[in-house]
Amino acid sequence: MVRDVPGPDPTTREEIIDYMERIGEAVEAVTPKKDPGTGKRLIVVRFELPQMNKEWLNLRVSPNQDGLDIKALWNALINMPKPDVEEYTMLQMFFGVWG
């Protein structure tokens, strides 16, 4: 991990680890287990804590969203309880599916 801000590594904090695990579970829950014929996908979840603006959560899929229920994933992520952190934390998670 590359850090460009002072302070402790956020990925060692239990509440951040739990949050990241819940994100992974949400991605797994809404992603069909078998490729529905659309090919490989990369899902990228980026989050910033504490939540300071409406762009604290970003969800991207490459090359497209075919075969994925993005609305269900977005709703799961946006409604997930967020950890209480004071220092700025921005992390990205990458999920390769169907390949």
N, C-alpha and C. Protein backbone atom coordinates (compact mmCIF):
# COMPACT_ATOMS: atom_id res chain seq x y z
N MET A 1 0.84 -1.17 0.00
CA MET A 1 0.00 0.00 0.00
C MET A 1 0.88 1.23 0.00
N VAL A 2 0.53 2.22 -0.80
CA VAL A 2 1.25 3.48 -0.86
C VAL A 2 0.47 4.51 -0.05
N ARG A 3 1.14 5.16 0.87
CA ARG A 3 0.49 6.16 1.71
C ARG A 3 1.08 7.52 1.40
N ASP A 4 0.23 8.51 1.26
CA ASP A 4 0.72 9.87 1.02
C ASP A 4 0.19 10.85 2.06
N VAL A 5 -0.33 10.33 3.14
CA VAL A 5 -0.79 11.18 4.24
C VAL A 5 -0.20 10.64 5.54
N PRO A 6 0.02 11.54 6.50
CA PRO A 6 0.56 11.07 7.78
C PRO A 6 -0.48 10.29 8.57
N GLY A 7 -0.02 9.57 9.56
CA GLY A 7 -0.93 8.85 10.44
C GLY A 7 -0.84 7.36 10.24
N PRO A 8 -1.61 6.64 11.03
CA PRO A 8 -1.57 5.18 10.96
C PRO A 8 -2.17 4.64 9.67
N ASP A 9 -1.75 3.47 9.30
CA ASP A 9 -2.29 2.78 8.12
C ASP A 9 -3.74 2.42 8.40
N PRO A 10 -4.69 2.98 7.62
CA PRO A 10 -6.10 2.71 7.91
C PRO A 10 -6.50 1.25 7.73
N THR A 11 -5.75 0.50 6.92
CA THR A 11 -6.12 -0.90 6.69
C THR A 11 -5.74 -1.79 7.86
N THR A 12 -5.15 -1.22 8.92
CA THR A 12 -4.87 -2.00 10.12
C THR A 12 -5.92 -1.75 11.19
N ARG A 13 -6.84 -0.83 10.95
CA ARG A 13 -7.88 -0.53 11.93
C ARG A 13 -9.03 -1.52 11.78
N GLU A 14 -9.44 -2.09 12.88
CA GLU A 14 -10.46 -3.14 12.87
C GLU A 14 -11.77 -2.69 12.21
N GLU A 15 -12.21 -1.45 12.49
CA GLU A 15 -13.46 -0.98 11.91
C GLU A 15 -13.36 -0.79 10.40
N ILE A 16 -12.20 -0.42 9.89
CA ILE A 16 -12.00 -0.30 8.43
C ILE A 16 -11.95 -1.69 7.81
N ILE A 17 -11.26 -2.62 8.46
CA ILE A 17 -11.21 -4.00 7.96
C ILE A 17 -12.61 -4.59 7.87
N ASP A 18 -13.40 -4.40 8.92
CA ASP A 18 -14.78 -4.91 8.92
C ASP A 18 -15.60 -4.28 7.79
N TYR A 19 -15.44 -2.98 7.59
CA TYR A 19 -16.16 -2.28 6.53
C TYR A 19 -15.78 -2.83 5.16
N MET A 20 -14.49 -3.04 4.95
CA MET A 20 -14.03 -3.58 3.67
C MET A 20 -14.56 -5.00 3.46
N GLU A 21 -14.61 -5.79 4.52
CA GLU A 21 -15.16 -7.14 4.40
C GLU A 21 -16.64 -7.09 4.04
N ARG A 22 -17.38 -6.16 4.62
CA ARG A 22 -18.81 -6.03 4.29
C ARG A 22 -19.00 -5.57 2.84
N ILE A 23 -18.10 -4.74 2.34
CA ILE A 23 -18.16 -4.33 0.93
C ILE A 23 -17.97 -5.56 0.05
N GLY A 24 -16.97 -6.38 0.37
CA GLY A 24 -16.74 -7.61 -0.39
C GLY A 24 -17.94 -8.53 -0.36
N GLU A 25 -18.57 -8.64 0.79
CA GLU A 25 -19.77 -9.48 0.91
C GLU A 25 -20.92 -8.94 0.07
N ALA A 26 -21.05 -7.60 0.03
CA ALA A 26 -22.11 -6.99 -0.79
C ALA A 26 -21.87 -7.25 -2.27
N VAL A 27 -20.62 -7.12 -2.71
CA VAL A 27 -20.30 -7.40 -4.12
C VAL A 27 -20.61 -8.86 -4.43
N GLU A 28 -20.21 -9.75 -3.56
CA GLU A 28 -20.45 -11.18 -3.79
C GLU A 28 -21.95 -11.50 -3.80
N ALA A 29 -22.71 -10.85 -2.92
CA ALA A 29 -24.14 -11.14 -2.81
C ALA A 29 -24.93 -10.76 -4.06
N VAL A 30 -24.53 -9.72 -4.75
CA VAL A 30 -25.31 -9.27 -5.92
C VAL A 30 -24.71 -9.70 -7.25
N THR A 31 -23.56 -10.36 -7.21
CA THR A 31 -22.91 -10.79 -8.44
C THR A 31 -23.29 -12.25 -8.73
N PRO A 32 -23.88 -12.53 -9.89
CA PRO A 32 -24.18 -13.91 -10.23
C PRO A 32 -22.92 -14.77 -10.16
N LYS A 33 -23.07 -15.99 -9.69
CA LYS A 33 -21.91 -16.87 -9.51
C LYS A 33 -21.30 -17.30 -10.84
N LYS A 34 -22.14 -17.38 -11.86
CA LYS A 34 -21.65 -17.78 -13.19
C LYS A 34 -21.80 -16.63 -14.16
N ASP A 35 -20.88 -16.52 -15.06
CA ASP A 35 -20.93 -15.50 -16.11
C ASP A 35 -22.21 -15.69 -16.92
N PRO A 36 -23.04 -14.66 -16.99
CA PRO A 36 -24.28 -14.78 -17.77
C PRO A 36 -24.04 -14.61 -19.27
N GLY A 37 -22.79 -14.80 -19.69
CA GLY A 37 -22.47 -14.69 -21.11
C GLY A 37 -21.93 -13.33 -21.51
N THR A 38 -21.53 -12.54 -20.53
CA THR A 38 -21.04 -11.19 -20.84
C THR A 38 -19.53 -11.07 -20.77
N GLY A 39 -18.83 -12.04 -20.20
CA GLY A 39 -17.38 -12.00 -20.10
C GLY A 39 -16.90 -11.34 -18.82
N LYS A 40 -15.59 -11.21 -18.69
CA LYS A 40 -14.96 -10.69 -17.48
C LYS A 40 -15.40 -9.26 -17.17
N ARG A 41 -15.46 -8.97 -15.87
CA ARG A 41 -15.78 -7.63 -15.39
C ARG A 41 -14.84 -7.27 -14.26
N LEU A 42 -14.54 -5.98 -14.14
CA LEU A 42 -13.79 -5.45 -13.01
C LEU A 42 -14.69 -4.46 -12.30
N ILE A 43 -14.94 -4.70 -11.03
CA ILE A 43 -15.73 -3.80 -10.21
C ILE A 43 -14.76 -3.05 -9.30
N VAL A 44 -14.85 -1.73 -9.30
CA VAL A 44 -13.99 -0.90 -8.46
C VAL A 44 -14.87 -0.11 -7.50
N VAL A 45 -14.61 -0.26 -6.22
CA VAL A 45 -15.32 0.49 -5.18
C VAL A 45 -14.29 1.40 -4.52
N ARG A 46 -14.54 2.71 -4.56
CA ARG A 46 -13.67 3.68 -3.89
C ARG A 46 -14.49 4.39 -2.85
N PHE A 47 -13.94 4.52 -1.65
CA PHE A 47 -14.66 5.24 -0.61
C PHE A 47 -13.73 6.16 0.15
N GLU A 48 -14.31 7.25 0.63
CA GLU A 48 -13.60 8.23 1.44
C GLU A 48 -14.35 8.38 2.76
N LEU A 49 -13.60 8.34 3.83
CA LEU A 49 -14.16 8.54 5.17
C LEU A 49 -13.31 9.55 5.91
N PRO A 50 -13.85 10.35 6.79
CA PRO A 50 -15.27 10.43 7.05
C PRO A 50 -16.02 10.99 5.85
N GLN A 51 -17.30 10.70 5.77
CA GLN A 51 -18.13 11.16 4.65
C GLN A 51 -18.28 12.67 4.74
N MET A 52 -17.64 13.39 3.80
CA MET A 52 -17.67 14.85 3.84
C MET A 52 -18.49 15.46 2.72
N ASN A 53 -18.75 14.70 1.68
CA ASN A 53 -19.55 15.22 0.57
C ASN A 53 -20.28 14.08 -0.11
N LYS A 54 -21.08 14.42 -1.10
CA LYS A 54 -21.90 13.41 -1.76
C LYS A 54 -21.09 12.46 -2.63
N GLU A 55 -19.83 12.77 -2.86
CA GLU A 55 -18.99 11.92 -3.71
C GLU A 55 -18.06 11.03 -2.90
N TRP A 56 -18.43 10.71 -1.67
CA TRP A 56 -17.58 9.90 -0.80
C TRP A 56 -17.50 8.45 -1.26
N LEU A 57 -18.48 8.02 -2.08
CA LEU A 57 -18.52 6.65 -2.57
C LEU A 57 -18.57 6.66 -4.09
N ASN A 58 -17.72 5.84 -4.71
CA ASN A 58 -17.67 5.76 -6.15
C ASN A 58 -17.67 4.29 -6.55
N LEU A 59 -18.47 3.97 -7.55
CA LEU A 59 -18.58 2.59 -8.03
C LEU A 59 -18.38 2.60 -9.54
N ARG A 60 -17.41 1.82 -10.01
CA ARG A 60 -17.16 1.72 -11.45
C ARG A 60 -17.11 0.26 -11.85
N VAL A 61 -17.51 0.00 -13.09
CA VAL A 61 -17.44 -1.34 -13.65
C VAL A 61 -16.84 -1.23 -15.04
N SER A 62 -15.92 -2.13 -15.33
CA SER A 62 -15.28 -2.12 -16.64
C SER A 62 -15.35 -3.52 -17.23
N PRO A 63 -15.59 -3.70 -18.52
CA PRO A 63 -15.82 -2.66 -19.52
C PRO A 63 -17.23 -2.09 -19.51
N ASN A 64 -18.22 -2.81 -18.93
CA ASN A 64 -19.58 -2.27 -18.83
C ASN A 64 -20.31 -3.01 -17.71
N GLN A 65 -21.58 -2.65 -17.50
CA GLN A 65 -22.35 -3.20 -16.38
C GLN A 65 -23.20 -4.40 -16.77
N ASP A 66 -23.09 -4.88 -17.98
CA ASP A 66 -23.91 -5.99 -18.43
C ASP A 66 -23.79 -7.19 -17.49
N GLY A 67 -24.92 -7.75 -17.11
CA GLY A 67 -24.95 -8.94 -16.27
C GLY A 67 -24.88 -8.66 -14.78
N LEU A 68 -24.73 -7.40 -14.40
CA LEU A 68 -24.62 -7.04 -12.98
C LEU A 68 -25.81 -6.19 -12.56
N ASP A 69 -26.28 -6.41 -11.35
CA ASP A 69 -27.36 -5.59 -10.79
C ASP A 69 -26.71 -4.43 -10.03
N ILE A 70 -26.31 -3.42 -10.77
CA ILE A 70 -25.60 -2.29 -10.19
C ILE A 70 -26.46 -1.52 -9.19
N LYS A 71 -27.75 -1.41 -9.48
CA LYS A 71 -28.63 -0.69 -8.55
C LYS A 71 -28.66 -1.38 -7.19
N ALA A 72 -28.76 -2.70 -7.18
CA ALA A 72 -28.76 -3.45 -5.91
C ALA A 72 -27.43 -3.28 -5.19
N LEU A 73 -26.32 -3.32 -5.93
CA LEU A 73 -25.01 -3.14 -5.31
C LEU A 73 -24.88 -1.74 -4.74
N TRP A 74 -25.27 -0.74 -5.52
CA TRP A 74 -25.18 0.64 -5.05
C TRP A 74 -26.01 0.83 -3.77
N ASN A 75 -27.24 0.31 -3.77
CA ASN A 75 -28.10 0.44 -2.59
C ASN A 75 -27.48 -0.25 -1.37
N ALA A 76 -26.89 -1.41 -1.59
CA ALA A 76 -26.25 -2.12 -0.48
C ALA A 76 -25.08 -1.31 0.08
N LEU A 77 -24.29 -0.73 -0.80
CA LEU A 77 -23.12 0.04 -0.35
C LEU A 77 -23.51 1.35 0.32
N ILE A 78 -24.44 2.06 -0.27
CA ILE A 78 -24.81 3.38 0.24
C ILE A 78 -25.51 3.28 1.60
N ASN A 79 -26.21 2.17 1.84
CA ASN A 79 -26.95 1.99 3.10
C ASN A 79 -26.16 1.24 4.17
N MET A 80 -24.96 0.83 3.83
CA MET A 80 -24.12 0.09 4.77
C MET A 80 -23.62 1.04 5.87
N PRO A 81 -23.70 0.62 7.13
CA PRO A 81 -23.17 1.48 8.20
C PRO A 81 -21.68 1.74 7.98
N LYS A 82 -21.30 3.00 8.12
CA LYS A 82 -19.91 3.38 7.90
C LYS A 82 -19.15 3.42 9.23
N PRO A 83 -17.88 3.09 9.19
CA PRO A 83 -17.10 3.16 10.43
C PRO A 83 -16.90 4.63 10.83
N ASP A 84 -16.77 4.84 12.11
CA ASP A 84 -16.56 6.19 12.64
C ASP A 84 -15.06 6.46 12.66
N VAL A 85 -14.60 7.26 11.74
CA VAL A 85 -13.18 7.63 11.68
C VAL A 85 -13.06 9.14 11.67
N GLU A 86 -11.99 9.64 12.26
CA GLU A 86 -11.76 11.08 12.29
C GLU A 86 -10.77 11.52 11.22
N GLU A 87 -9.74 10.71 11.00
CA GLU A 87 -8.73 11.08 10.01
C GLU A 87 -9.20 10.68 8.61
N TYR A 88 -8.81 11.48 7.63
CA TYR A 88 -9.21 11.22 6.25
C TYR A 88 -8.66 9.87 5.80
N THR A 89 -9.52 9.08 5.19
CA THR A 89 -9.16 7.76 4.68
C THR A 89 -9.79 7.59 3.31
N MET A 90 -9.00 7.25 2.30
CA MET A 90 -9.52 6.95 0.97
C MET A 90 -8.90 5.63 0.54
N LEU A 91 -9.77 4.68 0.20
CA LEU A 91 -9.31 3.37 -0.24
C LEU A 91 -10.09 2.93 -1.47
N GLN A 92 -9.44 2.10 -2.29
CA GLN A 92 -10.10 1.50 -3.44
C GLN A 92 -10.00 -0.01 -3.32
N MET A 93 -11.07 -0.67 -3.72
CA MET A 93 -11.10 -2.11 -3.72
C MET A 93 -11.43 -2.57 -5.14
N PHE A 94 -10.73 -3.59 -5.60
CA PHE A 94 -10.92 -4.10 -6.96
C PHE A 94 -11.40 -5.55 -6.88
N PHE A 95 -12.46 -5.83 -7.65
CA PHE A 95 -13.03 -7.18 -7.67
C PHE A 95 -13.10 -7.66 -9.11
N GLY A 96 -12.36 -8.70 -9.44
CA GLY A 96 -12.45 -9.31 -10.76
C GLY A 96 -13.52 -10.39 -10.72
N VAL A 97 -14.48 -10.30 -11.60
CA VAL A 97 -15.56 -11.29 -11.61
C VAL A 97 -15.64 -11.98 -12.98
N TRP A 98 -16.03 -13.21 -12.93
CA TRP A 98 -16.23 -14.04 -14.12
C TRP A 98 -14.97 -14.20 -14.96
N GLY A 99 -13.85 -14.32 -14.31
CA GLY A 99 -12.65 -14.55 -15.12
C GLY A 99 -11.46 -14.77 -14.37
